[in-house]
């Protein structure tokens, strides 16, 4: 039966399931496919996420967003050096909502301390407060929108996060690193500089031109003063 199921979904060809993987039923199978994208030693500690900002707020402070195109992955990563938050793609459609609801309910009952799919959805819930956050994540390719209106995605993700027991999260350390990056004064200054003076090509060009003119004017002024002193 196991071989038949794996062959039917072509999981052997796609190499989405390990040979020694065990699953009880279809819901457990689709959970296994996702969980096995994670490293064997886990993704970090298991703690409560004390604080996390929404996507738009993080982006305006210099946090970068990058989509992970690996199918079914739930492995969220953060590069503390570059400030890049790498998030697996989320396909927003009615079928995915039903599938995730089943997996999340199953995890809450059988894997409360290894609820990696719940942790992934909850992490997205932290990032999405409004349609503006969805706009950003769609632009970055993290959300694949099959529902049409971006507001529907915000509602979908927020509803998925309701009722999930807050026993802790595998992504607590990642959330902590993101907040630490967000609070760093140097990152804040770089973000303001980029947003105000280099938000697009024309503004960046104008900023550089203005800086060059200022430097040349300063050099000319200093040269004139030196000439006057020498005379």
Protein backbone atom coordinates (compact mmCIF):
# COMPACT_ATOMS: atom_id res chain seq x y z
CA UNK A 1 0.00 0.00 0.00
CA UNK A 2 2.84 2.36 0.90
CA UNK A 3 4.57 1.72 -2.44
CA UNK A 4 1.31 2.27 -4.31
CA UNK A 5 0.66 5.61 -2.62
CA UNK A 6 4.22 6.85 -3.18
CA UNK A 7 4.12 5.80 -6.84
CA UNK A 8 0.69 7.36 -7.41
CA UNK A 9 1.88 10.77 -6.20
CA UNK A 10 5.27 10.25 -7.90
CA UNK A 11 7.04 11.00 -4.64
CA UNK A 12 9.78 8.53 -5.50
CA UNK A 13 10.59 10.37 -8.74
CA UNK A 14 10.46 13.78 -7.09
CA UNK A 15 12.56 12.47 -4.16
CA UNK A 16 10.19 14.13 -1.71
CA UNK A 17 10.10 11.26 0.77
CA UNK A 18 12.88 9.30 2.45
CA UNK A 19 12.94 5.52 2.09
CA UNK A 20 12.52 4.94 5.83
CA UNK A 21 9.70 7.47 6.27
CA UNK A 22 6.65 6.23 8.14
CA UNK A 23 3.17 7.73 7.92
CA UNK A 24 -0.25 6.75 9.23
CA UNK A 25 -2.48 8.18 6.52
CA UNK A 26 -2.62 10.82 3.77
CA UNK A 27 -2.54 13.78 6.19
CA UNK A 28 0.54 12.37 7.89
CA UNK A 29 2.08 11.71 4.47
CA UNK A 30 1.69 15.32 3.34
CA UNK A 31 3.11 16.45 6.67
CA UNK A 32 6.13 14.16 6.22
CA UNK A 33 6.83 15.62 2.79
CA UNK A 34 7.08 19.08 4.35
CA UNK A 35 8.89 18.18 7.56
CA UNK A 36 11.58 16.22 5.70
CA UNK A 37 12.73 19.43 4.01
CA UNK A 38 14.12 20.45 7.41
CA UNK A 39 17.65 19.60 8.56
CA UNK A 40 17.93 16.45 10.68
CA UNK A 41 19.21 18.39 13.69
CA UNK A 42 16.23 20.75 13.61
CA UNK A 43 16.06 24.49 13.02
CA UNK A 44 16.79 25.76 16.53
CA UNK A 45 15.40 25.77 20.04
CA UNK A 46 11.75 25.43 21.01
CA UNK A 47 10.57 28.60 22.75
CA UNK A 48 7.79 31.17 22.63
CA UNK A 49 8.16 33.95 20.06
CA UNK A 50 8.28 36.92 22.40
CA UNK A 51 8.22 39.59 19.70
CA UNK A 52 7.93 39.81 15.93
CA UNK A 53 7.03 42.62 13.52
CA UNK A 54 5.00 42.47 10.32
CA UNK A 55 6.71 42.20 6.92
CA UNK A 56 6.28 45.82 5.80
CA UNK A 57 7.71 47.16 9.06
CA UNK A 58 10.71 44.83 8.85
CA UNK A 59 11.32 45.71 5.19
CA UNK A 60 11.33 49.44 5.95
CA UNK A 61 14.04 48.79 8.56
CA UNK A 62 16.29 47.00 6.07
CA UNK A 63 15.29 43.34 6.43
CA UNK A 64 15.37 41.66 3.01
CA UNK A 65 12.92 38.99 1.87
CA UNK A 66 13.76 36.10 -0.44
CA UNK A 67 11.54 33.28 -1.68
CA UNK A 68 12.67 29.67 -1.34
CA UNK A 69 11.33 27.87 -4.41
CA UNK A 70 11.70 24.34 -2.99
CA UNK A 71 8.29 22.68 -3.22
CA UNK A 72 6.57 21.89 0.13
CA UNK A 73 9.43 23.31 2.22
CA UNK A 74 8.68 24.81 5.65
CA UNK A 75 12.29 25.72 6.45
CA UNK A 76 12.51 29.43 7.29
CA UNK A 77 16.07 30.81 7.46
CA UNK A 78 17.61 34.16 8.38
CA UNK A 79 21.09 35.39 7.44
CA UNK A 80 22.18 37.64 10.30
CA UNK A 81 25.01 39.15 8.21
CA UNK A 82 22.95 40.24 5.22
CA UNK A 83 19.62 40.61 7.02
CA UNK A 84 17.93 38.32 4.50
CA UNK A 85 14.87 36.35 5.62
CA UNK A 86 14.40 33.31 3.36
CA UNK A 87 10.87 31.93 3.38
CA UNK A 88 9.43 28.95 1.46
CA UNK A 89 6.71 29.87 -1.03
CA UNK A 90 3.13 29.80 0.20
CA UNK A 91 0.54 28.87 -2.41
CA UNK A 92 -2.65 30.67 -1.46
CA UNK A 93 -5.67 28.80 -2.80
CA UNK A 94 -8.68 26.92 -1.43
CA UNK A 95 -7.07 23.47 -1.76
CA UNK A 96 -3.99 24.53 0.17
CA UNK A 97 -6.15 25.99 2.95
CA UNK A 98 -7.96 22.66 3.43
CA UNK A 99 -4.71 20.68 3.30
CA UNK A 100 -2.95 22.92 5.82
CA UNK A 101 -5.93 22.92 8.20
CA UNK A 102 -5.90 19.10 8.26
CA UNK A 103 -2.14 18.91 8.80
CA UNK A 104 -2.20 21.56 11.53
CA UNK A 105 -5.04 19.84 13.41
CA UNK A 106 -3.13 16.54 13.13
CA UNK A 107 0.09 18.10 14.41
CA UNK A 108 -1.66 19.67 17.40
CA UNK A 109 -2.83 16.22 18.47
CA UNK A 110 0.14 13.99 17.61
CA UNK A 111 3.21 16.25 17.26
CA UNK A 112 2.61 19.19 19.66
CA UNK A 113 6.36 19.75 20.18
CA UNK A 114 7.32 19.08 16.57
CA UNK A 115 4.52 21.01 14.90
CA UNK A 116 6.71 22.38 12.12
CA UNK A 117 3.88 23.13 9.71
CA UNK A 118 2.01 25.00 12.46
CA UNK A 119 5.21 26.91 13.23
CA UNK A 120 5.62 27.86 9.57
CA UNK A 121 2.03 29.11 9.27
CA UNK A 122 2.23 30.95 12.60
CA UNK A 123 5.45 32.64 11.46
CA UNK A 124 3.65 33.83 8.32
CA UNK A 125 0.81 35.03 10.54
CA UNK A 126 3.28 37.22 12.45
CA UNK A 127 4.48 38.72 9.16
CA UNK A 128 1.03 39.41 7.74
CA UNK A 129 -1.09 42.03 9.48
CA UNK A 130 -2.59 43.76 6.48
CA UNK A 131 -2.92 43.79 2.71
CA UNK A 132 0.25 45.90 2.56
CA UNK A 133 2.26 43.00 3.96
CA UNK A 134 0.72 40.64 1.40
CA UNK A 135 1.61 43.08 -1.40
CA UNK A 136 5.25 42.94 -0.34
CA UNK A 137 5.40 39.15 0.00
CA UNK A 138 3.68 38.65 -3.36
CA UNK A 139 6.15 41.06 -4.96
CA UNK A 140 9.04 39.06 -3.47
CA UNK A 141 7.57 35.79 -4.76
CA UNK A 142 6.99 34.34 -1.29
CA UNK A 143 3.22 34.21 -1.71
CA UNK A 144 1.70 32.71 -4.85
CA UNK A 145 -1.72 34.30 -5.08
CA UNK A 146 -4.48 32.12 -6.54
CA UNK A 147 -7.27 33.79 -4.58
CA UNK A 148 -7.30 37.09 -6.49
CA UNK A 149 -7.62 39.89 -3.95
CA UNK A 150 -4.63 40.32 -1.65
CA UNK A 151 -6.92 41.08 1.28
CA UNK A 152 -8.28 37.51 1.01
CA UNK A 153 -4.77 36.14 1.62
CA UNK A 154 -4.34 38.23 4.75
CA UNK A 155 -7.64 36.89 6.06
CA UNK A 156 -6.71 33.31 5.09
CA UNK A 157 -3.35 33.30 6.88
CA UNK A 158 -4.71 35.04 9.97
CA UNK A 159 -7.58 32.52 10.20
CA UNK A 160 -5.18 29.59 9.82
CA UNK A 161 -3.26 30.87 12.84
CA UNK A 162 -6.36 30.99 15.04
CA UNK A 163 -6.70 28.21 17.57
CA UNK A 164 -3.10 27.04 17.32
CA UNK A 165 -1.80 26.23 20.82
CA UNK A 166 1.05 28.53 21.76
CA UNK A 167 3.32 25.95 23.37
CA UNK A 168 6.36 27.37 21.59
CA UNK A 169 7.88 27.60 18.13
CA UNK A 170 10.84 26.10 16.31
CA UNK A 171 11.39 29.53 14.77
CA UNK A 172 11.71 31.45 18.05
CA UNK A 173 15.48 31.85 17.60
CA UNK A 174 15.03 33.09 14.03
CA UNK A 175 12.40 35.59 15.20
CA UNK A 176 14.80 36.76 17.92
CA UNK A 177 17.61 37.25 15.37
CA UNK A 178 15.29 39.20 13.08
CA UNK A 179 14.26 41.52 15.92
CA UNK A 180 17.89 41.97 16.96
CA UNK A 181 18.73 42.98 13.38
CA UNK A 182 15.69 45.28 13.31
CA UNK A 183 16.74 47.02 16.55
CA UNK A 184 20.37 47.52 15.49
CA UNK A 185 21.05 51.26 15.14
CA UNK A 186 23.48 50.80 12.21
CA UNK A 187 20.91 48.81 10.26
CA UNK A 188 18.33 51.48 11.04
CA UNK A 189 20.61 54.25 9.69
CA UNK A 190 21.40 52.27 6.52
CA UNK A 191 17.72 51.61 5.98
CA UNK A 192 16.79 55.29 6.31
CA UNK A 193 19.63 56.30 3.99
CA UNK A 194 18.56 53.78 1.36
CA UNK A 195 14.84 54.60 1.65
CA UNK A 196 15.25 58.39 1.59
CA UNK A 197 18.16 58.87 -0.82
CA UNK A 198 18.41 55.65 -2.86
CA UNK A 199 14.86 54.34 -3.10
CA UNK A 200 15.05 54.22 -6.92
CA UNK A 201 17.51 54.82 -9.77
CA UNK A 202 16.60 58.47 -10.33
CA UNK A 203 16.74 59.42 -6.68
CA UNK A 204 20.02 57.58 -6.25
CA UNK A 205 21.50 59.33 -9.29
CA UNK A 206 20.31 62.71 -8.00
CA UNK A 207 21.84 61.99 -4.59
CA UNK A 208 25.22 61.05 -6.07
CA UNK A 209 25.17 64.09 -8.38
CA UNK A 210 24.35 66.40 -5.48
CA UNK A 211 27.15 64.86 -3.41
CA UNK A 212 29.64 65.32 -6.26
CA UNK A 213 28.62 68.97 -6.70
CA UNK A 214 28.97 69.53 -2.96
CA UNK A 215 32.45 67.96 -2.92
CA UNK A 216 33.60 69.97 -5.96
CA UNK A 217 32.25 73.17 -4.41
CA UNK A 218 34.06 72.39 -1.18
CA UNK A 219 37.33 71.72 -3.07
CA UNK A 220 36.96 74.97 -5.00
CA UNK A 221 36.31 76.89 -1.79
CA UNK A 222 39.34 75.38 -0.06
CA UNK A 223 41.51 76.10 -3.13
CA UNK A 224 40.35 79.74 -3.20
CA UNK A 225 41.14 80.15 0.48
CA UNK A 226 44.62 78.69 -0.01
CA UNK A 227 45.26 81.07 -2.96
CA UNK A 228 44.19 84.05 -0.86
CA UNK A 229 46.44 83.02 2.03
CA UNK A 230 49.44 82.52 -0.27
CA UNK A 231 49.01 86.00 -1.76
